[in-house]
Structures are given as C-alpha cells and as structure tokens.
C-alpha cells in the first residue's frame, strides 16, 4: 500500500502531524509513505525512519501562470508515479486538495475542519477527537484507515553532528557546558501570540537569579528585533541564538533545556514534541486544540472573555497576552522545577 501524507506547512503544524507517519508504519510496516511538504518544514522530515520519500512542493513556483505551466506537469508526474492507494490531506486547504486529487489516490481523507472546498476532494474524518487536540485530530485520520495508535510518537532524528553544532552554538553564545538553561521562544507569526518584551525581560532576570541561563530563540528579522528589546530591558541580557541554528540543531538546543517558555508557535510545539517541559502562553488560540501536547497543565491562558478568537491581530487593539503576569509564569516554572527535583 502506497500512502501520501499532505501536510505542507507551517512548522508547528508539520510537527503536530509527525505522529501520523509513526502510526502508519506501526500498523502497516510494509506501506510506502510519501510526505508532501513545503521547503521551510522539509528538514523536520529528513531521516524520519517512518517516511520513505519526501515530495517537495515549492508553492512560489506556481504563483504565476508561466510558473504553473512549467512546474505542474512534473509535479503531477511525480504524484502519478507514486501509485498511491490512499491520500491523507492533513492541511485541508485548496493547495493540499489539489495535490491529493492529482495523486490519483482512489481513497482520499482529510481532517474534520477542512477549508477552501478541500472537503469536496477528500472526505473529512470526524473522529472521536474532533473537538480535541490537533495531534489527535490528525491521528483520527490515520485511525480511519485502520491504524492502531498505541503510542503517540513524534519521530524527529537529530544527527550527532547537529548535536555537536548546537553545543558549540550554546557555548559561544554564553552557556557553559553543563550549565542549566531555559529556552525562551520570543516570537510568533501572529502579533497577538507574543508576550510583551518587558515581561520576558523580567522573567529572564528572575531565571538568572535561579541560576538558570535564559536562552532566546526565534527566526528572522522580526524576532531579532524582539530579542533586542528584551535584552535592552533586562538587567542582565539573556543569551541569544536566534538565526544561529537549523531546525534540527534547534531541536538539540531544546532537548538540553530544563524547560521552554513561549507562545503558540512552531519551536514551542517542537519542544513539547520532544517531551521537554513546555510552558505555553495562549490567548487567541485554544489550549484544548493547540496547547503543548501531553502537557495541558503547562498551558497558561488569558482570562479575557474574548480569548480563543482565532484572529491574527486583535480588532480591539488589546495586547492580548499582556494580562498574563510574570508572577503567574514564575509560579508555573517553579512547579516544573520542583517536579524535576522530586
């Protein structure tokens, strides 16, 4: 049986879907699994022992009419060559629906919340976890093709070389080998998923007082600017490794941390997938659906009546996560540290 998984982006979403590859191979070890993904998240799938082939979908090549004419044929040929019996559209958008359709798979399934008419191409699966965590919603699609889900595993292979590079990056940034450190994910694509820089600065200073080195992570110019503000407001500037690691190297950094703190964003979900204690600060999105998987007790949600609005920017002009106090986060971290000691 040849199975196509279509989960193109974003990084956090691809992380959430990783257990599907394990569930398929656990149940059907002889199945050939191909995963269609966009370039930014491809690295997460490399060396995954439960994926036989990675099919790269470069969306930007299809944006112009000439680009579509040039690249559609080769993509369609690759899909046809896969001779897929089943396509699982875990993205649930127009672009993923097209990939599922042109795969030629006679059986096409998707999640319970498909959009952009994708439910006309693939049959939505409304399983027992339709109102639960997104990881379980994806796994419901795997269950629908007969997969056992005895264990939820996030297969992510980090090479020894990437482990070594991550260690060098940390050392050069100011984290001595053997020192306790915590990861702070400063950014998020949605502005209202970001905790105020002043709050992060106060938390950073408190961590230093606890003999834990705060390490800022993120990616891109926006996150660099956020980190600069945090360092300017902090009494002792935190360590920063933004832009200095690949995704796999970042995974190595996360694995070595005592815990991670941040909003609803890819690196924070990566932390949870690696079973690192993960404190997630949440406002516009729902912890029941998007919280740190397996750690619901570590989600801190705002108490505003407008929470879970699922809007990228607050229409009321409220700094969404500002109502989460530093004291609240410190209390949660203290609980985590106490559990680690015991």
C-alpha atoms as a PDB file:
ATOM      1  CA  UNK A   1       0.000   0.000   0.000  1.00  0.00           C
ATOM      2  CA  UNK A   2       1.330   3.427  -1.000  1.00  0.00           C
ATOM      3  CA  UNK A   3       0.159   6.276   1.232  1.00  0.00           C
ATOM      4  CA  UNK A   4       0.537  10.008   0.621  1.00  0.00           C
ATOM      5  CA  UNK A   5       0.524  12.421   3.559  1.00  0.00           C
ATOM      6  CA  UNK A   6      -0.112  16.026   2.555  1.00  0.00           C
ATOM      7  CA  UNK A   7       0.957  18.420   5.290  1.00  0.00           C
ATOM      8  CA  UNK A   8       2.776  21.300   3.687  1.00  0.00           C
ATOM      9  CA  UNK A   9       3.305  23.894   6.417  1.00  0.00           C
ATOM     10  CA  UNK A  10       3.743  25.580   8.869  1.00  0.00           C
ATOM     11  CA  UNK A  11       6.489  24.241  11.114  1.00  0.00           C
ATOM     12  CA  UNK A  12       4.215  23.766  14.135  1.00  0.00           C
ATOM     13  CA  UNK A  13       1.556  22.074  12.017  1.00  0.00           C
ATOM     14  CA  UNK A  14       4.054  19.655  10.481  1.00  0.00           C
ATOM     15  CA  UNK A  15       5.333  18.797  13.966  1.00  0.00           C
ATOM     16  CA  UNK A  16       1.764  18.058  15.068  1.00  0.00           C
ATOM     17  CA  UNK A  17       1.323  15.682  12.122  1.00  0.00           C
ATOM     18  CA  UNK A  18       4.560  13.701  12.677  1.00  0.00           C
ATOM     19  CA  UNK A  19       2.847  11.007  14.814  1.00  0.00           C
ATOM     20  CA  UNK A  20       0.754  10.048  11.770  1.00  0.00           C
ATOM     21  CA  UNK A  21       3.841   8.696  10.000  1.00  0.00           C
ATOM     22  CA  UNK A  22       4.682   6.548  13.019  1.00  0.00           C
ATOM     23  CA  UNK A  23       1.086   5.313  13.369  1.00  0.00           C
ATOM     24  CA  UNK A  24       1.004   4.214   9.720  1.00  0.00           C
ATOM     25  CA  UNK A  25       4.262   2.267   9.888  1.00  0.00           C
ATOM     26  CA  UNK A  26       3.403   0.799  13.278  1.00  0.00           C
ATOM     27  CA  UNK A  27       0.269  -0.731  11.776  1.00  0.00           C
ATOM     28  CA  UNK A  28       1.383  -1.247   8.174  1.00  0.00           C
ATOM     29  CA  UNK A  29       5.166  -1.768   8.281  1.00  0.00           C
ATOM     30  CA  UNK A  30       5.309  -2.611   4.566  1.00  0.00           C
ATOM     31  CA  UNK A  31       3.439   0.518   3.484  1.00  0.00           C
ATOM     32  CA  UNK A  32       5.364   3.053   1.439  1.00  0.00           C
ATOM     33  CA  UNK A  33       4.815   6.502   2.931  1.00  0.00           C
ATOM     34  CA  UNK A  34       5.415   9.696   0.961  1.00  0.00           C
ATOM     35  CA  UNK A  35       5.024  13.122   2.577  1.00  0.00           C
ATOM     36  CA  UNK A  36       4.332  16.268   0.536  1.00  0.00           C
ATOM     37  CA  UNK A  37       5.771  19.337   2.274  1.00  0.00           C
ATOM     38  CA  UNK A  38       6.902  22.897   1.555  1.00  0.00           C
ATOM     39  CA  UNK A  39      10.615  23.852   1.862  1.00  0.00           C
ATOM     40  CA  UNK A  40      10.577  25.596   5.301  1.00  0.00           C
ATOM     41  CA  UNK A  41       9.399  22.447   7.105  1.00  0.00           C
ATOM     42  CA  UNK A  42      11.218  19.837   4.998  1.00  0.00           C
ATOM     43  CA  UNK A  43      14.109  19.473   7.441  1.00  0.00           C
ATOM     44  CA  UNK A  44      11.736  18.148  10.099  1.00  0.00           C
ATOM     45  CA  UNK A  45      11.063  15.101   7.913  1.00  0.00           C
ATOM     46  CA  UNK A  46      14.641  14.289   6.894  1.00  0.00           C
ATOM     47  CA  UNK A  47      15.885  10.919   8.233  1.00  0.00           C
ATOM     48  CA  UNK A  48      12.451  10.086   9.646  1.00  0.00           C
ATOM     49  CA  UNK A  49      12.523   6.258   9.558  1.00  0.00           C
ATOM     50  CA  UNK A  50       8.750   6.171   9.024  1.00  0.00           C
ATOM     51  CA  UNK A  51       8.833   8.211   5.803  1.00  0.00           C
ATOM     52  CA  UNK A  52      10.088   6.600   2.594  1.00  0.00           C
ATOM     53  CA  UNK A  53      10.035   9.672   0.364  1.00  0.00           C
ATOM     54  CA  UNK A  54       9.703  13.426   0.761  1.00  0.00           C
ATOM     55  CA  UNK A  55       7.887  15.210  -2.058  1.00  0.00           C
ATOM     56  CA  UNK A  56       8.810  18.890  -2.072  1.00  0.00           C
ATOM     57  CA  UNK A  57       6.068  21.334  -3.057  1.00  0.00           C
ATOM     58  CA  UNK A  58       7.538  24.742  -3.851  1.00  0.00           C
ATOM     59  CA  UNK A  59       4.466  26.956  -3.787  1.00  0.00           C
ATOM     60  CA  UNK A  60       6.227  30.073  -5.070  1.00  0.00           C
ATOM     61  CA  UNK A  61       6.924  28.324  -8.387  1.00  0.00           C
ATOM     62  CA  UNK A  62       3.188  28.004  -9.036  1.00  0.00           C
ATOM     63  CA  UNK A  63       2.153  31.598  -8.332  1.00  0.00           C
ATOM     64  CA  UNK A  64       2.489  32.898 -11.899  1.00  0.00           C
ATOM     65  CA  UNK A  65       0.703  31.439 -14.913  1.00  0.00           C
ATOM     66  CA  UNK A  66       4.002  30.683 -16.640  1.00  0.00           C
ATOM     67  CA  UNK A  67       5.362  29.076 -13.487  1.00  0.00           C
ATOM     68  CA  UNK A  68       2.257  26.933 -13.151  1.00  0.00           C
ATOM     69  CA  UNK A  69       2.566  25.768 -16.770  1.00  0.00           C
ATOM     70  CA  UNK A  70       6.212  24.922 -16.281  1.00  0.00           C
ATOM     71  CA  UNK A  71       6.022  23.082 -12.964  1.00  0.00           C
ATOM     72  CA  UNK A  72       2.574  21.496 -12.862  1.00  0.00           C
ATOM     73  CA  UNK A  73       3.429  18.719 -15.305  1.00  0.00           C
ATOM     74  CA  UNK A  74       6.500  17.449 -13.415  1.00  0.00           C
ATOM     75  CA  UNK A  75       4.633  17.614 -10.099  1.00  0.00           C
ATOM     76  CA  UNK A  76       1.710  15.683 -11.482  1.00  0.00           C
ATOM     77  CA  UNK A  77       4.074  13.102 -12.950  1.00  0.00           C
ATOM     78  CA  UNK A  78       5.746  12.606  -9.562  1.00  0.00           C
ATOM     79  CA  UNK A  79       2.376  12.170  -7.920  1.00  0.00           C
ATOM     80  CA  UNK A  80       1.203   9.660 -10.519  1.00  0.00           C
ATOM     81  CA  UNK A  81       4.455   7.706 -10.190  1.00  0.00           C
ATOM     82  CA  UNK A  82       3.691   7.202  -6.517  1.00  0.00           C
ATOM     83  CA  UNK A  83       0.698   4.985  -7.385  1.00  0.00           C
ATOM     84  CA  UNK A  84      -0.989   5.987  -4.174  1.00  0.00           C
ATOM     85  CA  UNK A  85      -3.897   3.997  -2.836  1.00  0.00           C
ATOM     86  CA  UNK A  86      -4.605   6.495  -0.065  1.00  0.00           C
ATOM     87  CA  UNK A  87      -4.031  10.245   0.292  1.00  0.00           C
ATOM     88  CA  UNK A  88      -4.358  11.909   3.695  1.00  0.00           C
ATOM     89  CA  UNK A  89      -4.915  15.659   3.348  1.00  0.00           C
ATOM     90  CA  UNK A  90      -3.956  16.943   6.788  1.00  0.00           C
ATOM     91  CA  UNK A  91      -3.684  20.537   5.530  1.00  0.00           C
ATOM     92  CA  UNK A  92      -7.275  20.918   4.417  1.00  0.00           C
ATOM     93  CA  UNK A  93      -6.722  23.831   2.024  1.00  0.00           C
ATOM     94  CA  UNK A  94      -7.075  24.376  -1.712  1.00  0.00           C
ATOM     95  CA  UNK A  95      -3.405  23.690  -2.490  1.00  0.00           C
ATOM     96  CA  UNK A  96      -3.333  20.468  -0.487  1.00  0.00           C
ATOM     97  CA  UNK A  97      -6.639  19.361  -2.012  1.00  0.00           C
ATOM     98  CA  UNK A  98      -5.124  19.766  -5.471  1.00  0.00           C
ATOM     99  CA  UNK A  99      -2.142  17.598  -4.510  1.00  0.00           C
ATOM    100  CA  UNK A 100      -4.426  14.935  -3.050  1.00  0.00           C
ATOM    101  CA  UNK A 101      -6.615  14.994  -6.168  1.00  0.00           C
ATOM    102  CA  UNK A 102      -3.791  14.771  -8.698  1.00  0.00           C
ATOM    103  CA  UNK A 103      -2.155  11.990  -6.721  1.00  0.00           C
ATOM    104  CA  UNK A 104      -4.776   9.757  -8.288  1.00  0.00           C
ATOM    105  CA  UNK A 105      -5.405   8.034  -4.964  1.00  0.00           C
ATOM    106  CA  UNK A 106      -8.849   6.413  -5.079  1.00  0.00           C
ATOM    107  CA  UNK A 107      -9.281   6.978  -1.359  1.00  0.00           C
ATOM    108  CA  UNK A 108      -8.773  10.490  -0.029  1.00  0.00           C
ATOM    109  CA  UNK A 109      -9.384  11.516   3.576  1.00  0.00           C
ATOM    110  CA  UNK A 110      -8.950  14.758   5.462  1.00  0.00           C
ATOM    111  CA  UNK A 111      -9.441  16.300   8.886  1.00  0.00           C
ATOM    112  CA  UNK A 112     -12.718  17.394  10.424  1.00  0.00           C
ATOM    113  CA  UNK A 113     -12.121  21.106   9.780  1.00  0.00           C
ATOM    114  CA  UNK A 114     -11.274  21.356   6.082  1.00  0.00           C
ATOM    115  CA  UNK A 115     -11.471  24.692   4.251  1.00  0.00           C
ATOM    116  CA  UNK A 116     -11.343  26.222   0.765  1.00  0.00           C
ATOM    117  CA  UNK A 117     -13.571  23.475  -0.690  1.00  0.00           C
ATOM    118  CA  UNK A 118     -10.984  20.817   0.145  1.00  0.00           C
ATOM    119  CA  UNK A 119     -13.797  18.758   1.669  1.00  0.00           C
ATOM    120  CA  UNK A 120     -15.145  18.284  -1.883  1.00  0.00           C
ATOM    121  CA  UNK A 121     -11.945  16.469  -2.831  1.00  0.00           C
ATOM    122  CA  UNK A 122     -11.232  14.460   0.330  1.00  0.00           C
ATOM    123  CA  UNK A 123     -13.714  13.049   2.818  1.00  0.00           C
ATOM    124  CA  UNK A 124     -13.500  14.797   6.201  1.00  0.00           C
ATOM    125  CA  UNK A 125     -12.964  12.461   9.133  1.00  0.00           C
ATOM    126  CA  UNK A 126     -14.891  13.445  12.216  1.00  0.00           C
ATOM    127  CA  UNK A 127     -13.415  11.025  14.710  1.00  0.00           C
ATOM    128  CA  UNK A 128     -13.666  10.707  18.477  1.00  0.00           C
ATOM    129  CA  UNK A 129     -11.182  13.568  18.958  1.00  0.00           C
ATOM    130  CA  UNK A 130     -12.857  16.058  16.606  1.00  0.00           C
ATOM    131  CA  UNK A 131     -13.084  18.553  19.460  1.00  0.00           C
ATOM    132  CA  UNK A 132      -9.734  17.661  20.976  1.00  0.00           C
ATOM    133  CA  UNK A 133      -6.056  18.418  20.373  1.00  0.00           C
ATOM    134  CA  UNK A 134      -4.964  18.880  16.773  1.00  0.00           C
ATOM    135  CA  UNK A 135      -2.476  15.995  17.121  1.00  0.00           C
ATOM    136  CA  UNK A 136      -5.355  13.662  17.937  1.00  0.00           C
ATOM    137  CA  UNK A 137      -7.455  15.085  15.104  1.00  0.00           C
ATOM    138  CA  UNK A 138      -4.669  14.181  12.684  1.00  0.00           C
ATOM    139  CA  UNK A 139      -4.386  10.749  14.257  1.00  0.00           C
ATOM    140  CA  UNK A 140      -8.141  10.263  13.805  1.00  0.00           C
ATOM    141  CA  UNK A 141      -7.476  10.390  10.059  1.00  0.00           C
ATOM    142  CA  UNK A 142      -4.860   7.666  10.485  1.00  0.00           C
ATOM    143  CA  UNK A 143      -7.314   5.666  12.592  1.00  0.00           C
ATOM    144  CA  UNK A 144      -9.846   5.934   9.763  1.00  0.00           C
ATOM    145  CA  UNK A 145      -7.567   3.852   7.504  1.00  0.00           C
ATOM    146  CA  UNK A 146      -7.145   1.228  10.202  1.00  0.00           C
ATOM    147  CA  UNK A 147      -4.079   2.485  12.050  1.00  0.00           C
ATOM    148  CA  UNK A 148      -3.525   1.442  15.630  1.00  0.00           C
ATOM    149  CA  UNK A 149      -2.434   4.343  17.789  1.00  0.00           C
ATOM    150  CA  UNK A 150      -0.999   2.570  20.790  1.00  0.00           C
ATOM    151  CA  UNK A 151       1.767   5.131  21.188  1.00  0.00           C
ATOM    152  CA  UNK A 152       1.897   8.762  20.085  1.00  0.00           C
ATOM    153  CA  UNK A 153       5.451   9.262  18.856  1.00  0.00           C
ATOM    154  CA  UNK A 154       6.993  12.374  17.314  1.00  0.00           C
ATOM    155  CA  UNK A 155       9.777  10.924  15.133  1.00  0.00           C
ATOM    156  CA  UNK A 156      12.497  13.537  14.807  1.00  0.00           C
ATOM    157  CA  UNK A 157      16.040  12.355  14.120  1.00  0.00           C
ATOM    158  CA  UNK A 158      18.846  14.710  15.163  1.00  0.00           C
ATOM    159  CA  UNK A 159      22.293  13.690  13.954  1.00  0.00           C
ATOM    160  CA  UNK A 160      25.325  13.589  16.217  1.00  0.00           C
ATOM    161  CA  UNK A 161      26.832  16.371  14.102  1.00  0.00           C
ATOM    162  CA  UNK A 162      23.819  18.610  14.712  1.00  0.00           C
ATOM    163  CA  UNK A 163      24.040  17.840  18.430  1.00  0.00           C
ATOM    164  CA  UNK A 164      27.698  18.908  18.398  1.00  0.00           C
ATOM    165  CA  UNK A 165      26.984  22.094  16.447  1.00  0.00           C
ATOM    166  CA  UNK A 166      24.185  23.004  18.854  1.00  0.00           C
ATOM    167  CA  UNK A 167      26.555  22.550  21.772  1.00  0.00           C
ATOM    168  CA  UNK A 168      29.141  24.817  20.132  1.00  0.00           C
ATOM    169  CA  UNK A 169      26.480  27.454  19.392  1.00  0.00           C
ATOM    170  CA  UNK A 170      25.360  27.462  23.014  1.00  0.00           C
ATOM    171  CA  UNK A 171      28.908  27.637  24.346  1.00  0.00           C
ATOM    172  CA  UNK A 172      29.871  30.507  22.050  1.00  0.00           C
ATOM    173  CA  UNK A 173      26.663  32.359  22.980  1.00  0.00           C
ATOM    174  CA  UNK A 174      27.429  32.140  26.692  1.00  0.00           C
ATOM    175  CA  UNK A 175      26.084  28.837  28.046  1.00  0.00           C
ATOM    176  CA  UNK A 176      28.953  26.826  29.563  1.00  0.00           C
ATOM    177  CA  UNK A 177      28.765  23.072  29.072  1.00  0.00           C
ATOM    178  CA  UNK A 178      26.854  21.505  31.948  1.00  0.00           C
ATOM    179  CA  UNK A 179      25.096  24.739  32.927  1.00  0.00           C
ATOM    180  CA  UNK A 180      21.330  24.771  33.447  1.00  0.00           C
ATOM    181  CA  UNK A 181      19.479  26.815  30.848  1.00  0.00           C
ATOM    182  CA  UNK A 182      15.915  27.516  29.785  1.00  0.00           C
ATOM    183  CA  UNK A 183      14.708  28.309  26.286  1.00  0.00           C
ATOM    184  CA  UNK A 184      12.530  31.349  25.637  1.00  0.00           C
ATOM    185  CA  UNK A 185      10.796  31.454  22.234  1.00  0.00           C
ATOM    186  CA  UNK A 186      10.299  35.177  21.717  1.00  0.00           C
ATOM    187  CA  UNK A 187       8.293  35.338  18.511  1.00  0.00           C
ATOM    188  CA  UNK A 188       5.216  34.069  16.692  1.00  0.00           C
ATOM    189  CA  UNK A 189       3.703  34.741  13.274  1.00  0.00           C
ATOM    190  CA  UNK A 190       0.624  36.295  14.857  1.00  0.00           C
ATOM    191  CA  UNK A 191       1.431  39.510  16.765  1.00  0.00           C
ATOM    192  CA  UNK A 192      -1.165  38.674  19.419  1.00  0.00           C
ATOM    193  CA  UNK A 193       0.582  35.378  20.219  1.00  0.00           C
ATOM    194  CA  UNK A 194       3.616  37.258  21.581  1.00  0.00           C
ATOM    195  CA  UNK A 195       4.137  38.009  25.256  1.00  0.00           C
ATOM    196  CA  UNK A 196       5.337  41.613  25.922  1.00  0.00           C
ATOM    197  CA  UNK A 197       9.108  42.109  25.753  1.00  0.00           C
ATOM    198  CA  UNK A 198       9.096  43.726  29.193  1.00  0.00           C
ATOM    199  CA  UNK A 199       7.568  40.580  30.681  1.00  0.00           C
ATOM    200  CA  UNK A 200      10.191  38.397  29.033  1.00  0.00           C
ATOM    201  CA  UNK A 201      12.911  40.712  30.351  1.00  0.00           C
ATOM    202  CA  UNK A 202      11.653  40.387  33.924  1.00  0.00           C
ATOM    203  CA  UNK A 203      11.361  36.620  33.553  1.00  0.00           C
ATOM    204  CA  UNK A 204      14.898  36.491  32.162  1.00  0.00           C
ATOM    205  CA  UNK A 205      16.322  38.358  35.162  1.00  0.00           C
ATOM    206  CA  UNK A 206      14.435  36.057  37.531  1.00  0.00           C
ATOM    207  CA  UNK A 207      15.835  32.984  35.763  1.00  0.00           C
ATOM    208  CA  UNK A 208      19.363  34.284  36.251  1.00  0.00           C
ATOM    209  CA  UNK A 209      18.561  34.605  39.977  1.00  0.00           C
ATOM    210  CA  UNK A 210      17.502  30.949  39.924  1.00  0.00           C
ATOM    211  CA  UNK A 211      20.883  30.002  38.430  1.00  0.00           C
ATOM    212  CA  UNK A 212      19.237  29.170  35.111  1.00  0.00           C
ATOM    213  CA  UNK A 213      20.569  30.854  31.963  1.00  0.00           C
ATOM    214  CA  UNK A 214      17.798  32.216  29.702  1.00  0.00           C
ATOM    215  CA  UNK A 215      18.380  31.446  26.003  1.00  0.00           C
ATOM    216  CA  UNK A 216      16.339  33.368  23.426  1.00  0.00           C
ATOM    217  CA  UNK A 217      15.362  31.523  20.233  1.00  0.00           C
ATOM    218  CA  UNK A 218      13.434  32.509  17.140  1.00  0.00           C
ATOM    219  CA  UNK A 219      13.933  33.190  13.488  1.00  0.00           C
ATOM    220  CA  UNK A 220      14.057  36.166  11.155  1.00  0.00           C
ATOM    221  CA  UNK A 221      14.405  39.911  11.443  1.00  0.00           C
ATOM    222  CA  UNK A 222      11.230  40.391  13.492  1.00  0.00           C
ATOM    223  CA  UNK A 223      12.372  38.001  16.204  1.00  0.00           C
ATOM    224  CA  UNK A 224      15.816  39.603  16.234  1.00  0.00           C
ATOM    225  CA  UNK A 225      14.143  42.940  16.924  1.00  0.00           C
ATOM    226  CA  UNK A 226      12.040  41.435  19.715  1.00  0.00           C
ATOM    227  CA  UNK A 227      15.149  39.879  21.254  1.00  0.00           C
ATOM    228  CA  UNK A 228      16.962  43.218  21.099  1.00  0.00           C
ATOM    229  CA  UNK A 229      14.132  44.853  23.061  1.00  0.00           C
ATOM    230  CA  UNK A 230      14.214  42.097  25.679  1.00  0.00           C
ATOM    231  CA  UNK A 231      17.972  42.428  26.129  1.00  0.00           C
ATOM    232  CA  UNK A 232      17.684  46.213  26.399  1.00  0.00           C
ATOM    233  CA  UNK A 233      15.024  45.975  29.115  1.00  0.00           C
ATOM    234  CA  UNK A 234      16.696  43.204  31.108  1.00  0.00           C
ATOM    235  CA  UNK A 235      19.161  43.964  33.909  1.00  0.00           C
ATOM    236  CA  UNK A 236      21.340  41.082  32.680  1.00  0.00           C
ATOM    237  CA  UNK A 237      20.990  40.488  28.926  1.00  0.00           C
ATOM    238  CA  UNK A 238      19.851  36.935  28.163  1.00  0.00           C
ATOM    239  CA  UNK A 239      21.776  34.665  25.811  1.00  0.00           C
ATOM    240  CA  UNK A 240      20.573  34.715  22.203  1.00  0.00           C
ATOM    241  CA  UNK A 241      20.907  32.074  19.463  1.00  0.00           C
ATOM    242  CA  UNK A 242      18.344  33.466  17.011  1.00  0.00           C
ATOM    243  CA  UNK A 243      19.271  32.581  13.448  1.00  0.00           C
ATOM    244  CA  UNK A 244      22.287  30.540  14.532  1.00  0.00           C
ATOM    245  CA  UNK A 245      20.786  27.053  14.208  1.00  0.00           C
ATOM    246  CA  UNK A 246      18.951  24.870  11.749  1.00  0.00           C
ATOM    247  CA  UNK A 247      15.674  23.283  12.876  1.00  0.00           C
ATOM    248  CA  UNK A 248      17.425  20.050  13.834  1.00  0.00           C
ATOM    249  CA  UNK A 249      20.099  21.959  15.753  1.00  0.00           C
ATOM    250  CA  UNK A 250      17.359  23.917  17.468  1.00  0.00           C
ATOM    251  CA  UNK A 251      15.813  20.596  18.467  1.00  0.00           C
ATOM    252  CA  UNK A 252      19.133  19.697  20.088  1.00  0.00           C
ATOM    253  CA  UNK A 253      19.131  23.018  21.962  1.00  0.00           C
ATOM    254  CA  UNK A 254      15.591  22.356  23.165  1.00  0.00           C
ATOM    255  CA  UNK A 255      16.400  18.820  24.296  1.00  0.00           C
ATOM    256  CA  UNK A 256      19.099  20.108  26.610  1.00  0.00           C
ATOM    257  CA  UNK A 257      16.902  22.750  28.238  1.00  0.00           C
ATOM    258  CA  UNK A 258      15.299  22.436  31.645  1.00  0.00           C
ATOM    259  CA  UNK A 259      12.119  23.860  30.129  1.00  0.00           C
ATOM    260  CA  UNK A 260      10.785  26.081  27.340  1.00  0.00           C
ATOM    261  CA  UNK A 261       8.577  29.174  27.584  1.00  0.00           C
ATOM    262  CA  UNK A 262       6.805  30.854  24.679  1.00  0.00           C
ATOM    263  CA  UNK A 263       3.609  31.421  22.751  1.00  0.00           C
ATOM    264  CA  UNK A 264       1.683  29.204  20.360  1.00  0.00           C
ATOM    265  CA  UNK A 265       4.437  28.852  17.763  1.00  0.00           C
ATOM    266  CA  UNK A 266       6.476  26.178  15.973  1.00  0.00           C
ATOM    267  CA  UNK A 267       9.572  25.963  18.214  1.00  0.00           C
ATOM    268  CA  UNK A 268       7.384  25.716  21.309  1.00  0.00           C
ATOM    269  CA  UNK A 269       5.419  22.846  19.762  1.00  0.00           C
ATOM    270  CA  UNK A 270       8.740  21.263  18.823  1.00  0.00           C
ATOM    271  CA  UNK A 271       9.714  21.458  22.485  1.00  0.00           C
ATOM    272  CA  UNK A 272       6.532  19.674  23.541  1.00  0.00           C
ATOM    273  CA  UNK A 273       7.020  17.052  20.833  1.00  0.00           C
ATOM    274  CA  UNK A 274      10.475  16.363  22.267  1.00  0.00           C
ATOM    275  CA  UNK A 275       8.874  15.831  25.710  1.00  0.00           C
ATOM    276  CA  UNK A 276      10.611  18.888  27.169  1.00  0.00           C
ATOM    277  CA  UNK A 277       8.594  20.666  29.870  1.00  0.00           C
ATOM    278  CA  UNK A 278       6.872  23.427  27.908  1.00  0.00           C
ATOM    279  CA  UNK A 279       5.053  26.470  29.265  1.00  0.00           C
ATOM    280  CA  UNK A 280       2.827  27.876  26.533  1.00  0.00           C
ATOM    281  CA  UNK A 281       1.278  31.346  26.864  1.00  0.00           C
ATOM    282  CA  UNK A 282      -2.012  31.473  24.991  1.00  0.00           C
ATOM    283  CA  UNK A 283      -4.714  33.972  24.102  1.00  0.00           C
ATOM    284  CA  UNK A 284      -6.202  33.959  20.598  1.00  0.00           C
ATOM    285  CA  UNK A 285      -5.870  30.191  20.233  1.00  0.00           C
ATOM    286  CA  UNK A 286      -7.380  27.406  22.297  1.00  0.00           C
ATOM    287  CA  UNK A 287      -5.166  25.262  24.560  1.00  0.00           C
ATOM    288  CA  UNK A 288      -7.572  22.357  24.136  1.00  0.00           C
ATOM    289  CA  UNK A 289      -6.681  22.328  20.431  1.00  0.00           C
ATOM    290  CA  UNK A 290      -3.216  23.888  20.257  1.00  0.00           C
ATOM    291  CA  UNK A 291      -1.671  23.645  23.711  1.00  0.00           C
ATOM    292  CA  UNK A 292       1.589  21.796  24.452  1.00  0.00           C
ATOM    293  CA  UNK A 293       0.701  18.213  23.538  1.00  0.00           C
ATOM    294  CA  UNK A 294       0.711  15.887  26.521  1.00  0.00           C
ATOM    295  CA  UNK A 295       1.201  18.798  28.917  1.00  0.00           C
ATOM    296  CA  UNK A 296      -2.191  20.507  29.248  1.00  0.00           C
ATOM    297  CA  UNK A 297      -1.272  21.626  32.768  1.00  0.00           C
ATOM    298  CA  UNK A 298       1.513  23.796  31.325  1.00  0.00           C
ATOM    299  CA  UNK A 299      -0.737  25.943  29.147  1.00  0.00           C
ATOM    300  CA  UNK A 300      -1.396  29.406  30.600  1.00  0.00           C
ATOM    301  CA  UNK A 301      -4.384  31.108  29.001  1.00  0.00           C
ATOM    302  CA  UNK A 302      -5.599  34.666  29.318  1.00  0.00           C
ATOM    303  CA  UNK A 303      -8.854  35.144  31.206  1.00  0.00           C
ATOM    304  CA  UNK A 304     -10.404  37.704  28.877  1.00  0.00           C
ATOM    305  CA  UNK A 305     -13.912  36.813  27.571  1.00  0.00           C
ATOM    306  CA  UNK A 306     -12.613  37.321  24.014  1.00  0.00           C
ATOM    307  CA  UNK A 307      -9.966  34.584  24.237  1.00  0.00           C
ATOM    308  CA  UNK A 308      -9.898  31.920  21.527  1.00  0.00           C
ATOM    309  CA  UNK A 309     -10.908  34.466  18.907  1.00  0.00           C
ATOM    310  CA  UNK A 310      -8.515  32.873  16.348  1.00  0.00           C
ATOM    311  CA  UNK A 311      -7.664  36.275  14.899  1.00  0.00           C
ATOM    312  CA  UNK A 312      -4.120  37.208  13.890  1.00  0.00           C
ATOM    313  CA  UNK A 313      -4.428  40.726  15.277  1.00  0.00           C
ATOM    314  CA  UNK A 314      -6.755  41.982  17.990  1.00  0.00           C
ATOM    315  CA  UNK A 315      -9.611  44.055  16.500  1.00  0.00           C
ATOM    316  CA  UNK A 316      -9.930  45.810  19.887  1.00  0.00           C
ATOM    317  CA  UNK A 317      -6.287  46.858  19.903  1.00  0.00           C
ATOM    318  CA  UNK A 318      -5.575  44.891  23.096  1.00  0.00           C
ATOM    319  CA  UNK A 319      -2.126  43.490  23.781  1.00  0.00           C
ATOM    320  CA  UNK A 320      -3.574  40.001  24.109  1.00  0.00           C
ATOM    321  CA  UNK A 321      -1.020  38.196  26.273  1.00  0.00           C
ATOM    322  CA  UNK A 322      -0.193  41.222  28.451  1.00  0.00           C
ATOM    323  CA  UNK A 323      -2.729  40.059  31.029  1.00  0.00           C
ATOM    324  CA  UNK A 324      -0.565  37.011  31.784  1.00  0.00           C
ATOM    325  CA  UNK A 325       1.608  38.184  34.663  1.00  0.00           C
ATOM    326  CA  UNK A 326       5.262  37.372  35.167  1.00  0.00           C
ATOM    327  CA  UNK A 327       4.335  36.018  38.582  1.00  0.00           C
ATOM    328  CA  UNK A 328       1.957  33.513  37.009  1.00  0.00           C
ATOM    329  CA  UNK A 329       4.679  32.227  34.685  1.00  0.00           C
ATOM    330  CA  UNK A 330       7.229  32.108  37.527  1.00  0.00           C
ATOM    331  CA  UNK A 331       4.795  30.036  39.592  1.00  0.00           C
ATOM    332  CA  UNK A 332       4.355  27.531  36.774  1.00  0.00           C
ATOM    333  CA  UNK A 333       8.128  27.279  36.242  1.00  0.00           C
ATOM    334  CA  UNK A 334       8.641  26.772  39.976  1.00  0.00           C
ATOM    335  CA  UNK A 335       6.197  23.844  39.848  1.00  0.00           C
ATOM    336  CA  UNK A 336       8.135  22.306  36.936  1.00  0.00           C
ATOM    337  CA  UNK A 337      11.459  22.690  38.706  1.00  0.00           C
ATOM    338  CA  UNK A 338      10.017  21.118  41.868  1.00  0.00           C
ATOM    339  CA  UNK A 339       8.751  18.135  39.870  1.00  0.00           C
ATOM    340  CA  UNK A 340      12.169  17.677  38.258  1.00  0.00           C
ATOM    341  CA  UNK A 341      13.853  17.672  41.675  1.00  0.00           C
ATOM    342  CA  UNK A 342      11.426  15.125  43.070  1.00  0.00           C
END
